[in-house]
Amino acid sequence: MLLIVRAMGETSMVEPLLLGTVFVLASLLLWLLADSDDDNGGGGLRQPVLVPIPVRHHQR
């Protein structure tokens, strides 16, 4: 019986450490997979769109 209690005492920190490791890895994975606001999912930041502005060459 003493052997069982000693074995349980030695492994009592294994489960919380394993659970914490799983939470850290899961949160890291979610953070890496989440899309940010400035990312279009193409792997880089969005480039500004250049819109042509009509210019008058004749004076009124």
PDB file of N, CA and C in Angstrom:
ATOM      1  N   MET A   1       0.834  -1.193   0.000  1.00  0.00           N
ATOM      2  CA  MET A   1       0.000   0.000   0.000  1.00  0.00           C
ATOM      3  C   MET A   1       0.868   1.241   0.000  1.00  0.00           C
ATOM      4  N   LEU A   2       1.989   1.209   0.712  1.00  0.00           N
ATOM      5  CA  LEU A   2       2.894   2.349   0.772  1.00  0.00           C
ATOM      6  C   LEU A   2       3.491   2.629  -0.607  1.00  0.00           C
ATOM      7  N   LEU A   3       3.722   1.570  -1.361  1.00  0.00           N
ATOM      8  CA  LEU A   3       4.268   1.733  -2.709  1.00  0.00           C
ATOM      9  C   LEU A   3       3.277   2.461  -3.617  1.00  0.00           C
ATOM     10  N   ILE A   4       2.008   2.186  -3.480  1.00  0.00           N
ATOM     11  CA  ILE A   4       0.976   2.850  -4.291  1.00  0.00           C
ATOM     12  C   ILE A   4       0.890   4.332  -3.924  1.00  0.00           C
ATOM     13  N   VAL A   5       0.915   4.636  -2.637  1.00  0.00           N
ATOM     14  CA  VAL A   5       0.854   6.030  -2.195  1.00  0.00           C
ATOM     15  C   VAL A   5       2.092   6.784  -2.664  1.00  0.00           C
ATOM     16  N   ARG A   6       3.260   6.154  -2.594  1.00  0.00           N
ATOM     17  CA  ARG A   6       4.498   6.803  -3.044  1.00  0.00           C
ATOM     18  C   ARG A   6       4.453   7.035  -4.552  1.00  0.00           C
ATOM     19  N   ALA A   7       3.942   6.071  -5.321  1.00  0.00           N
ATOM     20  CA  ALA A   7       3.850   6.221  -6.772  1.00  0.00           C
ATOM     21  C   ALA A   7       2.864   7.319  -7.142  1.00  0.00           C
ATOM     22  N   MET A   8       1.768   7.434  -6.395  1.00  0.00           N
ATOM     23  CA  MET A   8       0.799   8.495  -6.668  1.00  0.00           C
ATOM     24  C   MET A   8       1.385   9.856  -6.328  1.00  0.00           C
ATOM     25  N   GLY A   9       2.189   9.917  -5.287  1.00  0.00           N
ATOM     26  CA  GLY A   9       2.807  11.182  -4.921  1.00  0.00           C
ATOM     27  C   GLY A   9       3.815  11.649  -5.948  1.00  0.00           C
ATOM     28  N   GLU A  10       4.519  10.736  -6.586  1.00  0.00           N
ATOM     29  CA  GLU A  10       5.507  11.109  -7.593  1.00  0.00           C
ATOM     30  C   GLU A  10       4.863  11.534  -8.901  1.00  0.00           C
ATOM     31  N   THR A  11       3.725  10.979  -9.223  1.00  0.00           N
ATOM     32  CA  THR A  11       3.070  11.317 -10.486  1.00  0.00           C
ATOM     33  C   THR A  11       2.016  12.396 -10.319  1.00  0.00           C
ATOM     34  N   SER A  12       1.895  12.972  -9.132  1.00  0.00           N
ATOM     35  CA  SER A  12       0.843  13.965  -8.931  1.00  0.00           C
ATOM     36  C   SER A  12       1.106  15.251  -9.702  1.00  0.00           C
ATOM     37  N   MET A  13       2.368  15.543 -10.038  1.00  0.00           N
ATOM     38  CA  MET A  13       2.673  16.746 -10.806  1.00  0.00           C
ATOM     39  C   MET A  13       2.688  16.495 -12.304  1.00  0.00           C
ATOM     40  N   VAL A  14       2.638  15.237 -12.713  1.00  0.00           N
ATOM     41  CA  VAL A  14       2.700  14.928 -14.138  1.00  0.00           C
ATOM     42  C   VAL A  14       1.426  15.373 -14.843  1.00  0.00           C
ATOM     43  N   GLU A  15       0.291  15.099 -14.256  1.00  0.00           N
ATOM     44  CA  GLU A  15      -0.972  15.448 -14.901  1.00  0.00           C
ATOM     45  C   GLU A  15      -1.169  16.954 -15.036  1.00  0.00           C
ATOM     46  N   PRO A  16      -0.945  17.774 -13.993  1.00  0.00           N
ATOM     47  CA  PRO A  16      -1.083  19.230 -14.198  1.00  0.00           C
ATOM     48  C   PRO A  16      -0.083  19.786 -15.211  1.00  0.00           C
ATOM     49  N   LEU A  17       1.141  19.269 -15.227  1.00  0.00           N
ATOM     50  CA  LEU A  17       2.113  19.732 -16.209  1.00  0.00           C
ATOM     51  C   LEU A  17       1.697  19.332 -17.621  1.00  0.00           C
ATOM     52  N   LEU A  18       1.181  18.130 -17.771  1.00  0.00           N
ATOM     53  CA  LEU A  18       0.709  17.687 -19.076  1.00  0.00           C
ATOM     54  C   LEU A  18      -0.494  18.510 -19.522  1.00  0.00           C
ATOM     55  N   LEU A  19      -1.403  18.777 -18.629  1.00  0.00           N
ATOM     56  CA  LEU A  19      -2.572  19.589 -18.948  1.00  0.00           C
ATOM     57  C   LEU A  19      -2.156  21.010 -19.329  1.00  0.00           C
ATOM     58  N   GLY A  20      -1.225  21.585 -18.583  1.00  0.00           N
ATOM     59  CA  GLY A  20      -0.733  22.922 -18.907  1.00  0.00           C
ATOM     60  C   GLY A  20      -0.039  22.956 -20.257  1.00  0.00           C
ATOM     61  N   THR A  21       0.725  21.924 -20.559  1.00  0.00           N
ATOM     62  CA  THR A  21       1.400  21.850 -21.857  1.00  0.00           C
ATOM     63  C   THR A  21       0.395  21.757 -22.995  1.00  0.00           C
ATOM     64  N   VAL A  22      -0.650  20.976 -22.798  1.00  0.00           N
ATOM     65  CA  VAL A  22      -1.687  20.853 -23.823  1.00  0.00           C
ATOM     66  C   VAL A  22      -2.379  22.195 -24.025  1.00  0.00           C
ATOM     67  N   PHE A  23      -2.692  22.925 -22.948  1.00  0.00           N
ATOM     68  CA  PHE A  23      -3.329  24.235 -23.066  1.00  0.00           C
ATOM     69  C   PHE A  23      -2.419  25.231 -23.779  1.00  0.00           C
ATOM     70  N   VAL A  24      -1.142  25.223 -23.464  1.00  0.00           N
ATOM     71  CA  VAL A  24      -0.209  26.150 -24.107  1.00  0.00           C
ATOM     72  C   VAL A  24      -0.088  25.836 -25.591  1.00  0.00           C
ATOM     73  N   LEU A  25       0.032  24.568 -25.948  1.00  0.00           N
ATOM     74  CA  LEU A  25       0.144  24.193 -27.355  1.00  0.00           C
ATOM     75  C   LEU A  25      -1.137  24.491 -28.129  1.00  0.00           C
ATOM     76  N   ALA A  26      -2.276  24.252 -27.502  1.00  0.00           N
ATOM     77  CA  ALA A  26      -3.548  24.540 -28.172  1.00  0.00           C
ATOM     78  C   ALA A  26      -3.728  26.044 -28.379  1.00  0.00           C
ATOM     79  N   SER A  27      -3.377  26.845 -27.378  1.00  0.00           N
ATOM     80  CA  SER A  27      -3.523  28.288 -27.538  1.00  0.00           C
ATOM     81  C   SER A  27      -2.525  28.829 -28.557  1.00  0.00           C
ATOM     82  N   LEU A  28      -1.321  28.269 -28.607  1.00  0.00           N
ATOM     83  CA  LEU A  28      -0.345  28.687 -29.610  1.00  0.00           C
ATOM     84  C   LEU A  28      -0.836  28.344 -31.011  1.00  0.00           C
ATOM     85  N   LEU A  29      -1.408  27.179 -31.165  1.00  0.00           N
ATOM     86  CA  LEU A  29      -1.945  26.770 -32.460  1.00  0.00           C
ATOM     87  C   LEU A  29      -3.094  27.675 -32.886  1.00  0.00           C
ATOM     88  N   LEU A  30      -4.003  27.989 -31.972  1.00  0.00           N
ATOM     89  CA  LEU A  30      -5.105  28.887 -32.304  1.00  0.00           C
ATOM     90  C   LEU A  30      -4.604  30.279 -32.649  1.00  0.00           C
ATOM     91  N   TRP A  31      -3.584  30.752 -31.945  1.00  0.00           N
ATOM     92  CA  TRP A  31      -3.027  32.085 -32.204  1.00  0.00           C
ATOM     93  C   TRP A  31      -2.379  32.133 -33.589  1.00  0.00           C
ATOM     94  N   LEU A  32      -1.702  31.060 -33.976  1.00  0.00           N
ATOM     95  CA  LEU A  32      -1.063  31.040 -35.280  1.00  0.00           C
ATOM     96  C   LEU A  32      -2.070  30.879 -36.420  1.00  0.00           C
ATOM     97  N   LEU A  33      -3.173  30.219 -36.162  1.00  0.00           N
ATOM     98  CA  LEU A  33      -4.175  30.007 -37.205  1.00  0.00           C
ATOM     99  C   LEU A  33      -5.158  31.157 -37.341  1.00  0.00           C
ATOM    100  N   ALA A  34      -5.257  31.994 -36.332  1.00  0.00           N
ATOM    101  CA  ALA A  34      -6.225  33.085 -36.371  1.00  0.00           C
ATOM    102  C   ALA A  34      -5.790  34.140 -37.382  1.00  0.00           C
ATOM    103  N   ASP A  35      -6.747  34.645 -38.154  1.00  0.00           N
ATOM    104  CA  ASP A  35      -6.457  35.708 -39.112  1.00  0.00           C
ATOM    105  C   ASP A  35      -6.516  37.048 -38.398  1.00  0.00           C
ATOM    106  N   SER A  36      -5.556  37.896 -38.702  1.00  0.00           N
ATOM    107  CA  SER A  36      -5.568  39.236 -38.135  1.00  0.00           C
ATOM    108  C   SER A  36      -6.378  40.159 -39.036  1.00  0.00           C
ATOM    109  N   ASP A  37      -6.652  41.363 -38.565  1.00  0.00           N
ATOM    110  CA  ASP A  37      -7.452  42.312 -39.323  1.00  0.00           C
ATOM    111  C   ASP A  37      -6.738  42.814 -40.568  1.00  0.00           C
ATOM    112  N   ASP A  38      -5.413  42.896 -40.520  1.00  0.00           N
ATOM    113  CA  ASP A  38      -4.688  43.458 -41.651  1.00  0.00           C
ATOM    114  C   ASP A  38      -4.146  42.387 -42.586  1.00  0.00           C
ATOM    115  N   ASP A  39      -4.619  41.190 -42.460  1.00  0.00           N
ATOM    116  CA  ASP A  39      -4.132  40.099 -43.293  1.00  0.00           C
ATOM    117  C   ASP A  39      -5.278  39.569 -44.146  1.00  0.00           C
ATOM    118  N   ASN A  40      -5.053  39.440 -45.424  1.00  0.00           N
ATOM    119  CA  ASN A  40      -6.096  38.935 -46.313  1.00  0.00           C
ATOM    120  C   ASN A  40      -6.015  37.426 -46.506  1.00  0.00           C
ATOM    121  N   GLY A  41      -5.180  36.769 -45.730  1.00  0.00           N
ATOM    122  CA  GLY A  41      -5.052  35.325 -45.838  1.00  0.00           C
ATOM    123  C   GLY A  41      -4.099  34.900 -46.932  1.00  0.00           C
ATOM    124  N   GLY A  42      -3.488  35.851 -47.624  1.00  0.00           N
ATOM    125  CA  GLY A  42      -2.583  35.530 -48.704  1.00  0.00           C
ATOM    126  C   GLY A  42      -1.136  35.434 -48.264  1.00  0.00           C
ATOM    127  N   GLY A  43      -0.887  35.574 -46.995  1.00  0.00           N
ATOM    128  CA  GLY A  43       0.458  35.437 -46.501  1.00  0.00           C
ATOM    129  C   GLY A  43       1.191  36.734 -46.284  1.00  0.00           C
ATOM    130  N   GLY A  44       0.564  37.849 -46.557  1.00  0.00           N
ATOM    131  CA  GLY A  44       1.240  39.126 -46.359  1.00  0.00           C
ATOM    132  C   GLY A  44       0.248  40.232 -46.054  1.00  0.00           C
ATOM    133  N   LEU A  45       0.778  41.401 -45.794  1.00  0.00           N
ATOM    134  CA  LEU A  45      -0.087  42.544 -45.521  1.00  0.00           C
ATOM    135  C   LEU A  45      -0.731  43.024 -46.815  1.00  0.00           C
ATOM    136  N   ARG A  46      -1.905  43.617 -46.686  1.00  0.00           N
ATOM    137  CA  ARG A  46      -2.576  44.158 -47.854  1.00  0.00           C
ATOM    138  C   ARG A  46      -1.821  45.369 -48.378  1.00  0.00           C
ATOM    139  N   GLN A  47      -1.706  45.435 -49.665  1.00  0.00           N
ATOM    140  CA  GLN A  47      -1.084  46.591 -50.291  1.00  0.00           C
ATOM    141  C   GLN A  47      -2.165  47.625 -50.591  1.00  0.00           C
ATOM    142  N   PRO A  48      -1.817  48.904 -50.495  1.00  0.00           N
ATOM    143  CA  PRO A  48      -2.824  49.927 -50.803  1.00  0.00           C
ATOM    144  C   PRO A  48      -3.220  49.865 -52.280  1.00  0.00           C
ATOM    145  N   VAL A  49      -4.488  50.119 -52.538  1.00  0.00           N
ATOM    146  CA  VAL A  49      -4.999  50.109 -53.900  1.00  0.00           C
ATOM    147  C   VAL A  49      -4.826  51.499 -54.485  1.00  0.00           C
ATOM    148  N   LEU A  50      -4.207  51.573 -55.633  1.00  0.00           N
ATOM    149  CA  LEU A  50      -4.020  52.853 -56.291  1.00  0.00           C
ATOM    150  C   LEU A  50      -5.198  53.101 -57.225  1.00  0.00           C
ATOM    151  N   VAL A  51      -5.931  54.173 -56.950  1.00  0.00           N
ATOM    152  CA  VAL A  51      -7.094  54.529 -57.746  1.00  0.00           C
ATOM    153  C   VAL A  51      -6.718  55.707 -58.630  1.00  0.00           C
ATOM    154  N   PRO A  52      -6.893  55.588 -59.938  1.00  0.00           N
ATOM    155  CA  PRO A  52      -6.541  56.717 -60.807  1.00  0.00           C
ATOM    156  C   PRO A  52      -7.491  57.894 -60.587  1.00  0.00           C
ATOM    157  N   ILE A  53      -6.916  59.074 -60.526  1.00  0.00           N
ATOM    158  CA  ILE A  53      -7.694  60.304 -60.348  1.00  0.00           C
ATOM    159  C   ILE A  53      -7.710  61.041 -61.680  1.00  0.00           C
ATOM    160  N   PRO A  54      -8.899  61.344 -62.208  1.00  0.00           N
ATOM    161  CA  PRO A  54      -8.942  62.053 -63.488  1.00  0.00           C
ATOM    162  C   PRO A  54      -8.384  63.473 -63.344  1.00  0.00           C
ATOM    163  N   VAL A  55      -7.556  63.841 -64.273  1.00  0.00           N
ATOM    164  CA  VAL A  55      -6.919  65.163 -64.243  1.00  0.00           C
ATOM    165  C   VAL A  55      -7.376  65.928 -65.483  1.00  0.00           C
ATOM    166  N   ARG A  56      -7.789  67.180 -65.298  1.00  0.00           N
ATOM    167  CA  ARG A  56      -8.191  68.027 -66.417  1.00  0.00           C
ATOM    168  C   ARG A  56      -6.957  68.701 -66.996  1.00  0.00           C
ATOM    169  N   HIS A  57      -6.829  68.614 -68.287  1.00  0.00           N
ATOM    170  CA  HIS A  57      -5.700  69.266 -68.959  1.00  0.00           C
ATOM    171  C   HIS A  57      -6.101  70.630 -69.530  1.00  0.00           C
ATOM    172  N   HIS A  58      -7.385  70.931 -69.584  1.00  0.00           N
ATOM    173  CA  HIS A  58      -7.863  72.180 -70.151  1.00  0.00           C
ATOM    174  C   HIS A  58      -8.357  73.083 -69.049  1.00  0.00           C
ATOM    175  N   GLN A  59      -7.998  74.363 -69.120  1.00  0.00           N
ATOM    176  CA  GLN A  59      -8.509  75.327 -68.150  1.00  0.00           C
ATOM    177  C   GLN A  59      -9.851  75.839 -68.611  1.00  0.00           C
ATOM    178  N   ARG A  60     -10.703  76.151 -67.686  1.00  0.00           N
ATOM    179  CA  ARG A  60     -12.029  76.684 -68.042  1.00  0.00           C
ATOM    180  C   ARG A  60     -12.039  78.171 -68.017  1.00  0.00           C
TER     181      ARG A  60
END
